[in-house]
Amino acid sequence: MITADLYSNTIQENNRFILQMPDFKDNFVVIAGSGRSGTTWLGSLLDTYEHAEYYYEICHFPELDFDSPDLLKRKHPLIGFSPVRPVWLRKTERLLMEKLPQSVLSTTSMRLHQPLFFDKHQIDTCLFKIVKLFSFAMNLQKYKEKFDGRMKVIHIIRNPYSQLVSEIRQHEKNVEHARQHFSMRMHEIINNNNLVKYHDLGKRYLDGDWIEHMAFVWWVSNEIMIENKLLSTYVLTYEELCRKPFEITQDVFSFLGWPMSEQTKKQIEATTTVENSETGTWSIKKNAEQAMNRWRNEIKPSDYNRISQMLSSCQLMAMWNREELLL
């Protein structure tokens, strides 16, 4: 015999009480961007919304879908049943979980890469981050059908030179992996009958280096996202967020129908009023001038020219003024 106990969030089965995880709510928000485009920083700002649970990069775990109940169990195996998750409780759970063997990649990524703690209560929104932008863009129809009217997208785009330099920096110790990854994406694009308009350019650069492949994938992925009419989408540039963090974050929150709280304002201030930008894979503290202009000191003139040539007819470049794109 099974009876529901609405007050304790448990069910009684054969005189045993079992934790009952709540169902996922109806609202889904996806932060979508190419790798190294500022998604981690933007994610930390949206994570401050009290009624959203942030599940980080779901694209790393293809066995899970956006509305999989397993996400909740992996993110909060101990306190997921609680409608109120104050900072002290989330910190306590994290400390306890860090004592256990971390055998599951998703547990490690979802729980340990994000040491930020914001008060949460009455969760009604699931927040995700996507950096495999091409894969996400190619599945927009699927998400439209599955979450029609219930999923919104925040699409962030970074100056391609700045982003690609950051990609180069990240892959410098394993160039072969980057070469294989972007070559695979090139073949996916030129073999897709729905992307015919990119085929000639893709074939022209198919035998090129991974730097050019990276620029090509950046172009196609972001253009598909901007042209999409399937999901409600807000588009911003990384540079806009650097220059006007309070104003742009307010615009994003307004698009989502979220009020900005004091913990959001404090997080914006904590991540922008710094003398030097953080470096590293999951950096979130940004000095605006450094964040926008560092690429100029690191890019090779030859790489700059190759990328410029490839993107010479890319309409996305109009999102930045001429001075922002000059070496």
Protein backbone atom coordinates (compact mmCIF):
# COMPACT_ATOMS: atom_id res chain seq x y z
CA MET A 1 0.00 0.00 0.00
CA ILE A 2 1.33 3.46 -0.97
CA THR A 3 0.00 6.67 0.57
CA ALA A 4 1.15 10.20 -0.12
CA ASP A 5 2.26 12.49 2.69
CA LEU A 6 2.08 16.05 1.30
CA TYR A 7 3.67 17.61 4.36
CA SER A 8 6.87 15.59 4.55
CA ASN A 9 7.47 15.06 0.81
CA THR A 10 7.72 11.34 1.43
CA ILE A 11 5.68 8.30 0.51
CA GLN A 12 5.06 5.35 2.77
CA GLU A 13 5.57 1.96 1.21
CA ASN A 14 5.33 -1.17 3.34
CA ASN A 15 5.92 0.93 6.47
CA ARG A 16 9.11 2.45 4.98
CA PHE A 17 9.43 6.15 4.21
CA ILE A 18 11.07 6.99 0.90
CA LEU A 19 12.24 10.41 -0.25
CA GLN A 20 10.02 11.64 -3.05
CA MET A 21 11.71 14.05 -5.47
CA PRO A 22 9.39 16.79 -6.78
CA ASP A 23 8.50 16.98 -10.44
CA PHE A 24 10.31 19.46 -12.65
CA LYS A 25 8.49 22.72 -13.16
CA ASP A 26 7.39 24.19 -16.46
CA ASN A 27 9.96 26.93 -17.04
CA PHE A 28 13.29 26.29 -18.79
CA VAL A 29 15.98 28.86 -19.54
CA VAL A 30 19.06 28.03 -21.62
CA ILE A 31 22.21 30.17 -21.75
CA ALA A 32 23.57 29.33 -25.20
CA GLY A 33 26.93 30.32 -26.63
CA SER A 34 29.97 28.97 -28.37
CA GLY A 35 32.79 27.82 -26.12
CA ARG A 36 34.68 30.71 -24.47
CA SER A 37 31.92 33.25 -25.16
CA GLY A 38 31.18 34.30 -21.57
CA THR A 39 28.51 31.72 -20.68
CA THR A 40 30.09 30.91 -17.30
CA TRP A 41 30.02 34.54 -16.18
CA LEU A 42 26.50 35.11 -17.49
CA GLY A 43 25.42 31.88 -15.81
CA SER A 44 26.69 33.12 -12.46
CA LEU A 45 24.54 36.24 -12.83
CA LEU A 46 21.37 34.38 -13.77
CA ASP A 47 22.00 31.86 -11.00
CA THR A 48 21.25 34.66 -8.52
CA TYR A 49 17.55 34.44 -9.34
CA GLU A 50 15.97 32.98 -6.21
CA HIS A 51 13.44 30.78 -8.01
CA ALA A 52 15.81 29.13 -10.55
CA GLU A 53 17.94 26.03 -10.08
CA TYR A 54 21.13 26.09 -12.18
CA TYR A 55 22.18 22.78 -13.70
CA TYR A 56 25.29 24.02 -15.49
CA GLU A 57 26.36 22.31 -18.74
CA ILE A 58 23.79 19.64 -19.51
CA CYS A 59 25.34 19.11 -22.95
CA HIS A 60 28.16 17.20 -21.28
CA PHE A 61 25.70 14.48 -20.34
CA PRO A 62 23.80 13.23 -23.41
CA GLU A 63 22.10 10.55 -21.33
CA LEU A 64 20.17 13.32 -19.54
CA ASP A 65 17.56 15.57 -21.12
CA PHE A 66 16.48 19.02 -19.97
CA ASP A 67 13.54 17.72 -17.97
CA SER A 68 15.12 14.53 -16.65
CA PRO A 69 14.32 13.86 -12.97
CA ASP A 70 17.83 12.45 -12.64
CA LEU A 71 19.18 16.00 -12.89
CA LEU A 72 17.58 16.95 -9.61
CA LYS A 73 18.96 13.89 -7.87
CA ARG A 74 22.46 14.58 -9.15
CA LYS A 75 22.41 18.28 -8.36
CA HIS A 76 20.89 18.00 -4.88
CA PRO A 77 20.81 14.38 -3.75
CA LEU A 78 20.36 15.37 -0.10
CA ILE A 79 18.24 18.52 -0.05
CA GLY A 80 16.47 18.45 -3.41
CA PHE A 81 13.15 17.75 -1.69
CA SER A 82 13.25 21.03 0.23
CA PRO A 83 11.37 24.01 -1.28
CA VAL A 84 13.68 26.36 0.65
CA ARG A 85 17.43 26.02 0.13
CA PRO A 86 19.25 28.71 2.10
CA VAL A 87 22.98 29.24 1.65
CA TRP A 88 23.92 27.43 4.86
CA LEU A 89 22.01 24.31 3.80
CA ARG A 90 23.50 24.25 0.30
CA LYS A 91 27.00 24.72 1.73
CA THR A 92 26.45 21.92 4.23
CA GLU A 93 25.30 19.58 1.48
CA ARG A 94 28.30 20.47 -0.65
CA LEU A 95 30.71 19.77 2.22
CA LEU A 96 29.10 16.40 2.84
CA MET A 97 29.13 15.47 -0.86
CA GLU A 98 32.79 16.43 -1.23
CA LYS A 99 33.60 13.74 1.36
CA LEU A 100 32.11 11.06 -0.84
CA PRO A 101 33.90 9.39 -3.80
CA GLN A 102 33.11 11.31 -6.96
CA SER A 103 32.57 8.52 -9.47
CA VAL A 104 29.99 10.23 -11.66
CA LEU A 105 31.18 13.00 -13.99
CA SER A 106 27.87 14.83 -13.86
CA THR A 107 27.96 14.96 -10.06
CA THR A 108 31.44 16.47 -10.18
CA SER A 109 30.57 19.05 -12.82
CA MET A 110 27.14 20.06 -11.58
CA ARG A 111 28.13 20.34 -7.95
CA LEU A 112 31.81 21.12 -7.65
CA HIS A 113 32.69 23.44 -10.53
CA GLN A 114 30.29 26.09 -9.24
CA PRO A 115 31.23 27.18 -5.70
CA LEU A 116 28.65 29.98 -5.71
CA PHE A 117 25.84 29.97 -3.20
CA PHE A 118 22.68 31.99 -3.55
CA ASP A 119 19.51 31.72 -1.49
CA LYS A 120 16.88 29.66 -3.29
CA HIS A 121 13.23 29.05 -2.52
CA GLN A 122 10.11 27.83 -4.33
CA ILE A 123 12.00 26.79 -7.46
CA ASP A 124 9.93 27.24 -10.62
CA THR A 125 12.64 27.53 -13.28
CA CYS A 126 15.38 25.20 -14.48
CA LEU A 127 18.45 27.06 -15.75
CA PHE A 128 21.02 25.43 -18.05
CA LYS A 129 24.21 26.39 -19.86
CA ILE A 130 25.12 25.19 -23.37
CA VAL A 131 28.52 25.61 -25.05
CA LYS A 132 28.09 22.99 -27.76
CA LEU A 133 26.20 25.60 -29.72
CA PHE A 134 26.08 23.83 -33.08
CA SER A 135 24.48 20.73 -31.58
CA PHE A 136 21.93 22.85 -29.73
CA ALA A 137 21.14 24.90 -32.84
CA MET A 138 20.53 21.75 -34.87
CA ASN A 139 17.94 20.55 -32.34
CA LEU A 140 15.83 23.71 -32.08
CA GLN A 141 12.85 22.06 -33.75
CA LYS A 142 12.99 19.22 -31.23
CA TYR A 143 13.00 21.65 -28.31
CA LYS A 144 10.22 23.70 -29.92
CA GLU A 145 8.01 20.61 -30.05
CA LYS A 146 8.92 19.40 -26.58
CA PHE A 147 8.86 22.70 -24.67
CA ASP A 148 6.61 24.86 -26.83
CA GLY A 149 6.20 28.14 -24.96
CA ARG A 150 8.08 26.88 -21.91
CA MET A 151 11.71 27.40 -22.96
CA LYS A 152 13.55 30.69 -23.40
CA VAL A 153 17.09 31.15 -24.68
CA ILE A 154 19.72 33.74 -23.77
CA HIS A 155 22.17 33.70 -26.68
CA ILE A 156 25.54 35.33 -25.98
CA ILE A 157 28.04 36.07 -28.77
CA ARG A 158 31.62 37.22 -28.34
CA ASN A 159 33.82 39.16 -30.74
CA PRO A 160 35.14 36.25 -32.86
CA TYR A 161 38.80 37.29 -32.54
CA SER A 162 38.53 37.51 -28.76
CA GLN A 163 36.66 34.22 -28.48
CA LEU A 164 38.91 32.36 -30.88
CA VAL A 165 42.04 33.54 -29.08
CA SER A 166 40.54 32.21 -25.87
CA GLU A 167 39.84 28.91 -27.66
CA ILE A 168 43.43 28.77 -28.90
CA ARG A 169 44.67 29.39 -25.36
CA GLN A 170 42.47 26.60 -24.01
CA HIS A 171 43.51 24.06 -26.66
CA GLU A 172 47.20 24.90 -26.88
CA LYS A 173 48.15 21.81 -24.85
CA ASN A 174 46.04 19.49 -26.96
CA VAL A 175 45.86 20.91 -30.45
CA GLU A 176 45.13 17.53 -32.01
CA HIS A 177 41.90 17.24 -30.03
CA ALA A 178 40.80 20.68 -31.25
CA ARG A 179 41.75 19.79 -34.81
CA GLN A 180 39.65 16.63 -34.72
CA HIS A 181 36.69 18.32 -33.04
CA PHE A 182 36.38 21.22 -35.46
CA SER A 183 37.11 19.03 -38.49
CA MET A 184 34.20 16.81 -37.43
CA ARG A 185 31.94 19.86 -37.18
CA MET A 186 33.05 21.01 -40.67
CA HIS A 187 32.03 17.65 -42.13
CA GLU A 188 28.69 17.75 -40.30
CA ILE A 189 27.91 21.14 -41.82
CA ILE A 190 28.86 20.36 -45.42
CA ASN A 191 26.99 17.04 -45.29
CA ASN A 192 23.78 18.59 -43.94
CA ASN A 193 21.25 19.30 -46.69
CA ASN A 194 19.60 21.97 -44.56
CA LEU A 195 22.82 24.01 -44.52
CA VAL A 196 23.43 24.20 -48.27
CA LYS A 197 24.21 27.92 -48.19
CA TYR A 198 27.37 27.17 -46.20
CA HIS A 199 28.60 24.24 -48.29
CA ASP A 200 30.75 26.08 -50.85
CA LEU A 201 32.63 28.08 -48.22
CA GLY A 202 33.00 25.03 -45.98
CA LYS A 203 34.43 22.93 -48.82
CA ARG A 204 36.86 25.72 -49.70
CA TYR A 205 38.31 25.61 -46.17
CA LEU A 206 37.90 21.91 -45.50
CA ASP A 207 41.62 21.26 -45.90
CA GLY A 208 42.56 24.34 -43.90
CA ASP A 209 43.84 24.53 -40.33
CA TRP A 210 41.69 24.19 -37.21
CA ILE A 211 41.83 27.96 -36.67
CA GLU A 212 39.80 28.47 -39.83
CA HIS A 213 37.54 25.55 -38.98
CA MET A 214 36.85 27.12 -35.60
CA ALA A 215 35.90 30.44 -37.20
CA PHE A 216 33.62 28.69 -39.67
CA VAL A 217 31.79 26.74 -36.94
CA TRP A 218 31.44 29.98 -34.92
CA TRP A 219 29.83 31.64 -37.94
CA VAL A 220 27.37 28.86 -38.77
CA SER A 221 26.35 28.09 -35.18
CA ASN A 222 25.68 31.69 -34.17
CA GLU A 223 23.93 32.59 -37.42
CA ILE A 224 21.53 29.65 -37.11
CA MET A 225 20.70 30.78 -33.58
CA ILE A 226 20.09 34.40 -34.60
CA GLU A 227 17.90 33.41 -37.54
CA ASN A 228 15.87 30.96 -35.46
CA LYS A 229 12.18 31.74 -35.01
CA LEU A 230 11.42 28.60 -33.04
CA LEU A 231 12.34 29.56 -29.48
CA SER A 232 11.93 32.88 -27.70
CA THR A 233 15.49 34.24 -27.72
CA TYR A 234 17.34 37.25 -26.31
CA VAL A 235 20.65 38.01 -28.07
CA LEU A 236 23.50 39.93 -26.47
CA THR A 237 27.20 40.34 -27.08
CA TYR A 238 29.87 39.60 -24.50
CA GLU A 239 31.24 43.10 -25.06
CA GLU A 240 27.89 44.71 -24.23
CA LEU A 241 27.80 42.77 -20.98
CA CYS A 242 31.35 43.93 -20.16
CA ARG A 243 30.59 47.59 -20.87
CA LYS A 244 27.16 47.77 -19.23
CA PRO A 245 26.78 44.80 -16.87
CA PHE A 246 23.94 46.25 -14.77
CA GLU A 247 21.91 47.50 -17.73
CA ILE A 248 22.31 44.35 -19.83
CA THR A 249 21.60 42.02 -16.90
CA GLN A 250 18.49 44.06 -16.14
CA ASP A 251 17.39 43.68 -19.77
CA VAL A 252 17.93 39.92 -19.64
CA PHE A 253 15.98 39.63 -16.38
CA SER A 254 13.16 41.73 -17.88
CA PHE A 255 13.04 39.46 -20.93
CA LEU A 256 12.71 36.46 -18.61
CA GLY A 257 10.11 38.19 -16.44
CA TRP A 258 12.41 38.04 -13.42
CA PRO A 259 12.87 40.81 -10.83
CA MET A 260 16.47 41.65 -9.93
CA SER A 261 17.24 41.10 -6.26
CA GLU A 262 20.02 42.44 -4.06
CA GLN A 263 21.98 39.21 -4.47
CA THR A 264 21.94 39.75 -8.26
CA LYS A 265 23.22 43.31 -7.87
CA LYS A 266 25.92 42.17 -5.44
CA GLN A 267 27.07 39.45 -7.85
CA ILE A 268 27.32 41.93 -10.72
CA GLU A 269 29.39 44.26 -8.54
CA ALA A 270 31.58 41.42 -7.24
CA THR A 271 32.38 40.22 -10.76
CA THR A 272 33.00 43.58 -12.41
CA THR A 273 34.68 45.89 -9.89
CA VAL A 274 38.05 44.16 -10.17
CA GLU A 275 41.44 45.50 -11.15
CA ASN A 276 42.36 42.48 -13.23
CA SER A 277 40.22 39.94 -15.04
CA GLU A 278 40.37 36.35 -13.87
CA THR A 279 41.92 33.80 -16.18
CA GLY A 280 41.01 30.16 -16.51
CA THR A 281 38.27 27.92 -17.83
CA TRP A 282 35.56 29.06 -15.40
CA SER A 283 36.60 32.66 -14.79
CA ILE A 284 33.82 35.09 -13.89
CA LYS A 285 35.53 38.25 -12.61
CA LYS A 286 35.91 40.74 -15.43
CA ASN A 287 37.70 44.03 -15.87
CA ALA A 288 35.83 45.41 -18.88
CA GLU A 289 38.78 46.91 -20.74
CA GLN A 290 40.96 43.83 -20.25
CA ALA A 291 38.16 41.39 -21.10
CA MET A 292 37.38 43.15 -24.36
CA ASN A 293 40.91 43.94 -25.54
CA ARG A 294 43.19 41.16 -24.29
CA TRP A 295 42.91 39.33 -27.61
CA ARG A 296 44.88 42.06 -29.40
CA ASN A 297 48.00 41.26 -27.37
CA GLU A 298 47.75 37.52 -28.01
CA ILE A 299 46.54 36.92 -31.53
CA LYS A 300 49.07 36.26 -34.27
CA PRO A 301 48.76 38.65 -37.23
CA SER A 302 48.67 35.64 -39.55
CA ASP A 303 45.74 34.11 -37.62
CA TYR A 304 43.97 37.47 -37.55
CA ASN A 305 44.26 37.76 -41.33
CA ARG A 306 43.05 34.20 -41.92
CA ILE A 307 40.02 34.69 -39.70
CA SER A 308 39.28 38.09 -41.25
CA GLN A 309 39.37 36.61 -44.72
CA MET A 310 37.00 33.79 -43.81
CA LEU A 311 34.54 36.10 -42.05
CA SER A 312 34.71 38.88 -44.66
CA SER A 313 31.15 38.18 -45.85
CA CYS A 314 29.73 37.19 -42.45
CA GLN A 315 26.84 39.48 -41.53
CA LEU A 316 27.35 38.77 -37.83
CA MET A 317 30.39 41.03 -37.88
CA ALA A 318 28.02 44.03 -38.02
CA MET A 319 27.29 43.39 -34.34
CA TRP A 320 30.57 45.15 -33.51
CA ASN A 321 31.84 48.48 -34.76
CA ARG A 322 34.97 48.75 -36.87
CA GLU A 323 37.22 49.81 -34.01
CA GLU A 324 36.23 46.78 -31.93
CA LEU A 325 37.39 44.45 -34.70
CA LEU A 326 40.65 46.12 -35.67
CA LEU A 327 43.92 44.55 -34.55
